[in-house]
Amino acid sequence: MPSFDVVCEPDMIELKNAIEQSNKEITNRFDFKGSDSRVEQKDETLILFGDDDFKLGQVRDVLYGKMAKRNVDVRYLKDDKKETIGSDKRKQTMKIQKGITSELAKKVVRIIKDSKIKVQASIQGDAVRVTGAKRDDLQETMAMLKKEVSEAPLGFNNFRD
């Protein structure tokens, strides 16, 4: 029976490349000369550093631009907290979203059931498994989910025939 999984996982290699490109641009830009602005990645979090709130916003804008160029959705990042470190320097942590939250999984299952497409959806940990008799029904379900769910970037993997 054909099936696929609905997941929410960023391409970590592309994200790392976007971070490195952001840091390279920040070191070369004239308006960042002499400042300690940068982006660091620690496990499932990103830490943005800036001299003040304006530069911190600029660092975030540069990072979002590089992520967009590398086709990494910015919705994978969730703002966590802003802190003041030292005298005037600012630091912001951002969480990298991995896995579908339980409320989003329930919403995906509800959308699939309300659509009247002949497929079944079940929550499997941090993914939603969708099974159906026909491959066309599964492809129709994928297209519908891409259109309906906007609060998180959904990916589809483990497509089996």
Protein backbone atom coordinates (compact mmCIF):
# COMPACT_ATOMS: atom_id res chain seq x y z
CA MET A 1 0.00 0.00 0.00
CA PRO A 2 1.54 3.36 -1.03
CA SER A 3 2.47 5.74 1.75
CA PHE A 4 4.56 8.77 2.65
CA ASP A 5 5.54 10.72 5.78
CA VAL A 6 4.79 14.38 6.45
CA VAL A 7 7.78 15.85 8.31
CA CYS A 8 9.20 19.21 9.34
CA GLU A 9 12.99 18.96 9.03
CA PRO A 10 15.35 21.59 7.62
CA ASP A 11 18.25 20.69 5.38
CA MET A 12 20.99 21.13 7.99
CA ILE A 13 23.81 21.24 5.41
CA GLU A 14 22.16 24.10 3.53
CA LEU A 15 21.43 25.87 6.83
CA LYS A 16 25.09 25.58 7.84
CA ASN A 17 26.14 26.96 4.45
CA ALA A 18 23.72 29.88 4.87
CA ILE A 19 25.23 30.62 8.31
CA GLU A 20 28.76 30.56 6.91
CA GLN A 21 27.79 32.84 4.01
CA SER A 22 26.10 35.22 6.45
CA ASN A 23 29.20 35.41 8.61
CA LYS A 24 31.34 36.03 5.53
CA GLU A 25 29.10 38.87 4.36
CA ILE A 26 28.97 40.40 7.85
CA THR A 27 32.78 40.48 8.11
CA ASN A 28 33.06 42.14 4.68
CA ARG A 29 30.29 44.75 5.00
CA PHE A 30 31.34 48.30 5.74
CA ASP A 31 28.57 49.00 8.26
CA PHE A 32 29.75 46.05 10.40
CA LYS A 33 33.44 47.10 10.47
CA GLY A 34 34.78 47.00 14.02
CA SER A 35 31.69 45.34 15.46
CA ASP A 36 31.38 41.90 17.02
CA SER A 37 28.38 40.81 14.92
CA ARG A 38 28.13 37.14 13.93
CA VAL A 39 25.93 34.03 13.81
CA GLU A 40 26.82 30.84 15.68
CA GLN A 41 25.16 27.44 15.63
CA LYS A 42 25.04 25.22 18.71
CA ASP A 43 23.17 21.95 18.22
CA GLU A 44 19.50 22.91 17.71
CA THR A 45 19.90 26.66 18.31
CA LEU A 46 21.33 29.65 16.48
CA ILE A 47 22.88 32.52 18.43
CA LEU A 48 22.97 35.94 16.78
CA PHE A 49 25.32 38.60 18.16
CA GLY A 50 25.17 42.34 17.52
CA ASP A 51 26.44 45.58 19.03
CA ASP A 52 22.90 46.97 19.45
CA ASP A 53 19.32 46.15 18.48
CA PHE A 54 19.71 47.69 15.03
CA LYS A 55 22.81 45.63 14.19
CA LEU A 56 21.14 42.53 15.61
CA GLY A 57 18.23 43.12 13.22
CA GLN A 58 20.69 43.59 10.36
CA VAL A 59 22.38 40.27 11.23
CA ARG A 60 18.97 38.56 11.21
CA ASP A 61 18.12 40.14 7.83
CA VAL A 62 21.42 38.95 6.34
CA LEU A 63 20.81 35.43 7.69
CA TYR A 64 17.24 35.34 6.32
CA GLY A 65 18.47 36.52 2.93
CA LYS A 66 21.14 33.83 2.74
CA MET A 67 18.65 31.17 3.88
CA ALA A 68 16.23 32.25 1.14
CA LYS A 69 18.96 32.02 -1.50
CA ARG A 70 19.78 28.48 -0.37
CA ASN A 71 16.10 27.44 -0.33
CA VAL A 72 15.92 26.98 3.45
CA ASP A 73 12.56 28.17 4.76
CA VAL A 74 12.88 30.85 7.47
CA ARG A 75 9.88 29.35 9.27
CA TYR A 76 12.24 26.69 10.64
CA LEU A 77 13.64 29.34 13.01
CA LYS A 78 11.67 30.41 16.08
CA ASP A 79 12.71 33.50 18.07
CA ASP A 80 13.56 32.52 21.63
CA LYS A 81 14.95 35.39 23.69
CA LYS A 82 17.01 38.55 23.46
CA GLU A 83 19.63 39.32 26.09
CA THR A 84 22.06 42.11 26.84
CA ILE A 85 25.60 40.87 27.30
CA GLY A 86 28.40 43.02 28.52
CA SER A 87 27.87 46.75 28.32
CA ASP A 88 25.88 47.34 25.16
CA LYS A 89 26.12 44.13 23.15
CA ARG A 90 22.97 42.13 22.33
CA LYS A 91 22.48 38.40 21.85
CA GLN A 92 19.47 36.57 20.46
CA THR A 93 18.86 32.83 20.46
CA MET A 94 16.70 31.15 17.83
CA LYS A 95 15.50 27.55 18.00
CA ILE A 96 15.67 25.33 14.92
CA GLN A 97 12.33 23.59 14.55
CA LYS A 98 12.64 19.86 13.94
CA GLY A 99 9.70 17.53 13.91
CA ILE A 100 6.00 18.26 13.77
CA THR A 101 4.45 19.48 17.01
CA SER A 102 1.48 17.53 18.34
CA GLU A 103 -1.05 20.31 17.64
CA LEU A 104 0.24 20.67 14.06
CA ALA A 105 0.07 16.91 13.59
CA LYS A 106 -3.53 16.91 14.80
CA LYS A 107 -4.34 19.77 12.41
CA VAL A 108 -2.76 17.86 9.48
CA VAL A 109 -4.78 14.73 10.31
CA ARG A 110 -7.98 16.82 10.60
CA ILE A 111 -7.33 18.52 7.24
CA ILE A 112 -6.76 15.15 5.57
CA LYS A 113 -9.93 13.65 7.06
CA ASP A 114 -12.04 16.69 6.15
CA SER A 115 -10.81 16.59 2.55
CA LYS A 116 -12.68 13.34 1.80
CA ILE A 117 -9.69 11.99 -0.14
CA LYS A 118 -9.45 8.22 0.26
CA VAL A 119 -6.31 8.18 2.42
CA GLN A 120 -5.63 7.47 6.08
CA ALA A 121 -3.39 9.60 8.30
CA SER A 122 -1.78 8.50 11.55
CA ILE A 123 0.60 10.29 13.90
CA GLN A 124 3.96 8.51 14.21
CA GLY A 125 5.99 10.40 16.81
CA ASP A 126 7.13 13.64 15.18
CA ALA A 127 5.81 12.72 11.72
CA VAL A 128 2.43 11.95 10.16
CA ARG A 129 2.17 8.79 8.04
CA VAL A 130 -0.33 8.97 5.18
CA THR A 131 -1.38 5.76 3.42
CA GLY A 132 -3.76 5.24 0.54
CA ALA A 133 -4.68 2.81 -2.19
CA LYS A 134 -3.73 5.03 -5.13
CA ARG A 135 -0.60 7.04 -5.78
CA ASP A 136 -2.71 9.85 -7.30
CA ASP A 137 -4.62 10.25 -4.02
CA LEU A 138 -1.32 10.63 -2.15
CA GLN A 139 -0.07 13.25 -4.60
CA GLU A 140 -3.35 15.13 -4.32
CA THR A 141 -2.97 15.03 -0.52
CA MET A 142 0.57 16.45 -0.76
CA ALA A 143 -0.61 19.34 -2.92
CA MET A 144 -3.52 20.05 -0.59
CA LEU A 145 -1.27 20.08 2.51
CA LYS A 146 1.21 22.46 0.85
CA LYS A 147 -1.66 24.84 0.16
CA GLU A 148 -3.53 24.51 3.49
CA VAL A 149 -0.76 24.48 6.12
CA SER A 150 1.12 27.77 6.29
CA GLU A 151 2.43 27.98 9.87
CA ALA A 152 5.24 25.45 9.36
CA PRO A 153 7.22 24.27 6.34
CA LEU A 154 6.16 20.71 5.61
CA GLY A 155 8.30 18.17 3.83
CA PHE A 156 7.37 14.80 2.42
CA ASN A 157 9.66 11.77 2.53
CA ASN A 158 9.61 7.95 2.61
CA PHE A 159 7.34 7.80 -0.43
CA ARG A 160 6.71 4.09 -0.92
CA ASP A 161 4.76 2.35 -3.62
